[in-house]
Amino acid sequence: MEKYVLSVLVENKTGVLSRVSGLFSRRGYNIDSLTVCETANPEQSRMTIVVKGDEYILDQIQKQLAKLVEVIAIKKCEKSTSCQREMALIKVRAEGATRGIVIETCDIFRAHIVDVGIDSLVVEATGSEDKIESLIRLLEPYGILEYVKTGLTVVDRGSVTM
């Protein structure tokens, strides 16, 4: 199973997200990650959808998406030609002597401390999925209390636009 990233430009109307996600569930396809935001044009939104499958499944998904009236454009995003980032907030135990080590680890990953508690820190990290996963693995021995990730966000490199 390969991972595919689709960038989908849609009309910014009520129910579009529901129709797109419903399309996936009706056909038994799982969405690994989904981010949506209004674009510079308030009448349009952009969805970044991450799915796993083979070329056949990807082709079927693209064909089904294209049938939706609100879908304006669909683009398969390649890692080599796009900037792909994810953001995570990680709450990690940081008591006494371990606090300094946790902070140093975050500095290596250019992560930011966004909240400080008596016995914990909340870290904001932005980067590739691999970078986020590496940071989480390094912080696990100190005790990750919880974390949340945004899912992948993608934009093409250079002057290419949707």
Protein backbone atom coordinates (compact mmCIF):
# COMPACT_ATOMS: atom_id res chain seq x y z
CA MET A 1 0.00 0.00 0.00
CA GLU A 2 1.41 3.33 -1.05
CA LYS A 3 0.52 6.70 0.47
CA TYR A 4 -0.94 9.34 -1.85
CA VAL A 5 -1.54 13.02 -1.19
CA LEU A 6 -4.35 14.76 -3.06
CA SER A 7 -4.93 18.49 -3.13
CA VAL A 8 -8.57 19.22 -3.92
CA LEU A 9 -9.95 22.68 -4.66
CA VAL A 10 -13.67 22.88 -3.83
CA GLU A 11 -16.45 25.43 -3.61
CA ASN A 12 -16.64 26.84 -0.08
CA LYS A 13 -20.22 25.76 0.61
CA THR A 14 -22.00 24.05 3.47
CA GLY A 15 -21.93 20.26 3.21
CA VAL A 16 -19.00 19.89 0.79
CA LEU A 17 -16.74 18.33 3.42
CA SER A 18 -19.51 15.89 4.33
CA ARG A 19 -20.01 14.90 0.68
CA VAL A 20 -16.28 14.38 0.12
CA SER A 21 -15.79 12.30 3.28
CA GLY A 22 -19.01 10.39 2.56
CA LEU A 23 -17.69 9.47 -0.87
CA PHE A 24 -14.71 7.77 0.80
CA SER A 25 -16.73 5.89 3.41
CA ARG A 26 -19.36 4.67 0.90
CA ARG A 27 -16.61 3.05 -1.16
CA GLY A 28 -14.73 1.63 1.83
CA TYR A 29 -11.66 3.87 1.47
CA ASN A 30 -10.03 5.25 4.60
CA ILE A 31 -8.79 8.83 4.88
CA ASP A 32 -5.45 8.84 6.73
CA SER A 33 -5.41 12.61 7.06
CA LEU A 34 -7.66 15.49 5.99
CA THR A 35 -7.04 19.22 6.32
CA VAL A 36 -9.35 21.89 4.98
CA CYS A 37 -9.13 25.66 4.88
CA GLU A 38 -10.61 28.58 3.01
CA THR A 39 -8.28 29.92 0.30
CA ALA A 40 -7.42 33.53 -0.56
CA ASN A 41 -10.66 33.40 -2.54
CA PRO A 42 -13.40 33.10 0.14
CA GLU A 43 -15.61 31.22 -2.32
CA GLN A 44 -13.16 28.30 -2.43
CA SER A 45 -11.59 25.91 0.07
CA ARG A 46 -8.62 23.62 -0.35
CA MET A 47 -8.55 20.09 1.00
CA THR A 48 -5.41 18.04 1.50
CA ILE A 49 -6.38 14.38 1.62
CA VAL A 50 -3.94 11.57 2.44
CA VAL A 51 -4.98 8.04 1.45
CA LYS A 52 -3.30 4.65 1.21
CA GLY A 53 -3.83 2.25 -1.64
CA ASP A 54 -2.60 1.32 -5.06
CA GLU A 55 -2.81 3.17 -8.39
CA TYR A 56 -6.23 1.62 -9.11
CA ILE A 57 -7.69 2.88 -5.82
CA LEU A 58 -6.18 6.32 -6.40
CA ASP A 59 -7.66 6.44 -9.89
CA GLN A 60 -11.09 5.46 -8.54
CA ILE A 61 -10.92 8.11 -5.81
CA GLN A 62 -9.97 10.81 -8.32
CA LYS A 63 -12.80 9.79 -10.68
CA GLN A 64 -15.36 9.81 -7.85
CA LEU A 65 -14.16 13.19 -6.57
CA ALA A 66 -14.37 14.64 -10.09
CA LYS A 67 -18.06 13.68 -10.22
CA LEU A 68 -18.89 15.98 -7.30
CA VAL A 69 -20.28 19.27 -8.60
CA GLU A 70 -18.45 21.33 -5.94
CA VAL A 71 -15.01 19.96 -6.86
CA ILE A 72 -13.09 22.49 -8.98
CA ALA A 73 -9.70 20.77 -9.33
CA ILE A 74 -7.85 17.67 -8.13
CA LYS A 75 -4.08 17.25 -8.08
CA LYS A 76 -1.91 14.36 -6.92
CA CYS A 77 0.99 15.89 -5.00
CA GLU A 78 4.44 14.34 -5.28
CA LYS A 79 6.93 14.70 -2.42
CA SER A 80 9.64 15.83 -4.83
CA THR A 81 7.60 18.72 -6.29
CA SER A 82 5.74 19.97 -3.24
CA CYS A 83 6.28 21.31 0.26
CA GLN A 84 4.57 18.96 2.73
CA ARG A 85 4.28 19.90 6.38
CA GLU A 86 2.46 18.82 9.49
CA MET A 87 2.08 20.55 12.85
CA ALA A 88 1.89 18.82 16.23
CA LEU A 89 1.23 19.91 19.79
CA ILE A 90 2.90 17.51 22.22
CA LYS A 91 2.35 17.62 25.98
CA VAL A 92 5.32 15.99 27.65
CA ARG A 93 6.17 15.36 31.28
CA ALA A 94 9.08 17.63 32.25
CA GLU A 95 9.96 17.46 35.91
CA GLY A 96 13.21 18.52 37.55
CA ALA A 97 16.34 17.41 35.71
CA THR A 98 14.46 16.08 32.68
CA ARG A 99 13.02 19.51 31.82
CA GLY A 100 16.37 20.73 30.45
CA ILE A 101 16.83 17.59 28.36
CA VAL A 102 13.31 17.92 26.92
CA ILE A 103 13.96 21.58 26.05
CA GLU A 104 17.30 20.71 24.39
CA THR A 105 15.64 17.96 22.37
CA CYS A 106 12.98 20.41 21.20
CA ASP A 107 15.67 22.93 20.22
CA ILE A 108 17.35 20.33 17.99
CA PHE A 109 14.04 19.91 16.11
CA ARG A 110 13.40 23.67 16.07
CA ALA A 111 10.23 23.03 18.05
CA HIS A 112 8.79 25.76 20.27
CA ILE A 113 7.67 25.55 23.88
CA VAL A 114 4.19 27.12 23.86
CA ASP A 115 3.11 26.34 27.42
CA VAL A 116 4.98 25.65 30.65
CA GLY A 117 3.41 23.88 33.61
CA ILE A 118 4.89 22.81 36.93
CA ASP A 119 5.51 19.27 35.70
CA SER A 120 4.88 19.47 31.94
CA LEU A 121 5.59 21.37 28.73
CA VAL A 122 3.54 21.78 25.57
CA VAL A 123 5.70 21.69 22.47
CA GLU A 124 4.73 22.94 19.02
CA ALA A 125 6.57 21.24 16.17
CA THR A 126 6.24 21.81 12.44
CA GLY A 127 7.84 19.79 9.69
CA SER A 128 7.66 16.63 7.64
CA GLU A 129 5.76 13.64 8.99
CA ASP A 130 9.10 11.89 9.58
CA LYS A 131 10.43 14.82 11.61
CA ILE A 132 7.32 14.94 13.80
CA GLU A 133 7.41 11.18 14.37
CA SER A 134 11.13 11.33 15.25
CA LEU A 135 10.52 14.04 17.83
CA ILE A 136 7.67 12.07 19.37
CA ARG A 137 9.85 8.95 19.61
CA LEU A 138 12.65 10.92 21.32
CA LEU A 139 10.23 12.49 23.81
CA GLU A 140 8.46 9.22 24.67
CA PRO A 141 10.99 8.13 27.37
CA TYR A 142 10.17 11.32 29.32
CA GLY A 143 6.44 10.62 29.25
CA ILE A 144 4.19 12.00 26.54
CA LEU A 145 0.92 12.90 28.24
CA GLU A 146 -0.89 13.53 24.96
CA TYR A 147 -0.38 14.87 21.47
CA VAL A 148 -2.41 16.03 18.52
CA LYS A 149 -1.36 16.46 14.88
CA THR A 150 -2.95 18.58 12.17
CA GLY A 151 -2.48 16.19 9.30
CA LEU A 152 -0.51 16.96 6.19
CA THR A 153 -0.74 20.32 4.44
CA VAL A 154 0.73 20.63 0.95
CA VAL A 155 1.54 23.29 -1.62
CA ASP A 156 3.45 22.91 -4.89
CA ARG A 157 6.97 24.30 -5.16
CA GLY A 158 7.67 27.18 -7.53
CA SER A 159 5.04 29.23 -9.33
CA VAL A 160 2.71 26.30 -10.03
CA THR A 161 -0.77 26.85 -8.55
CA MET A 162 -4.07 25.03 -8.55
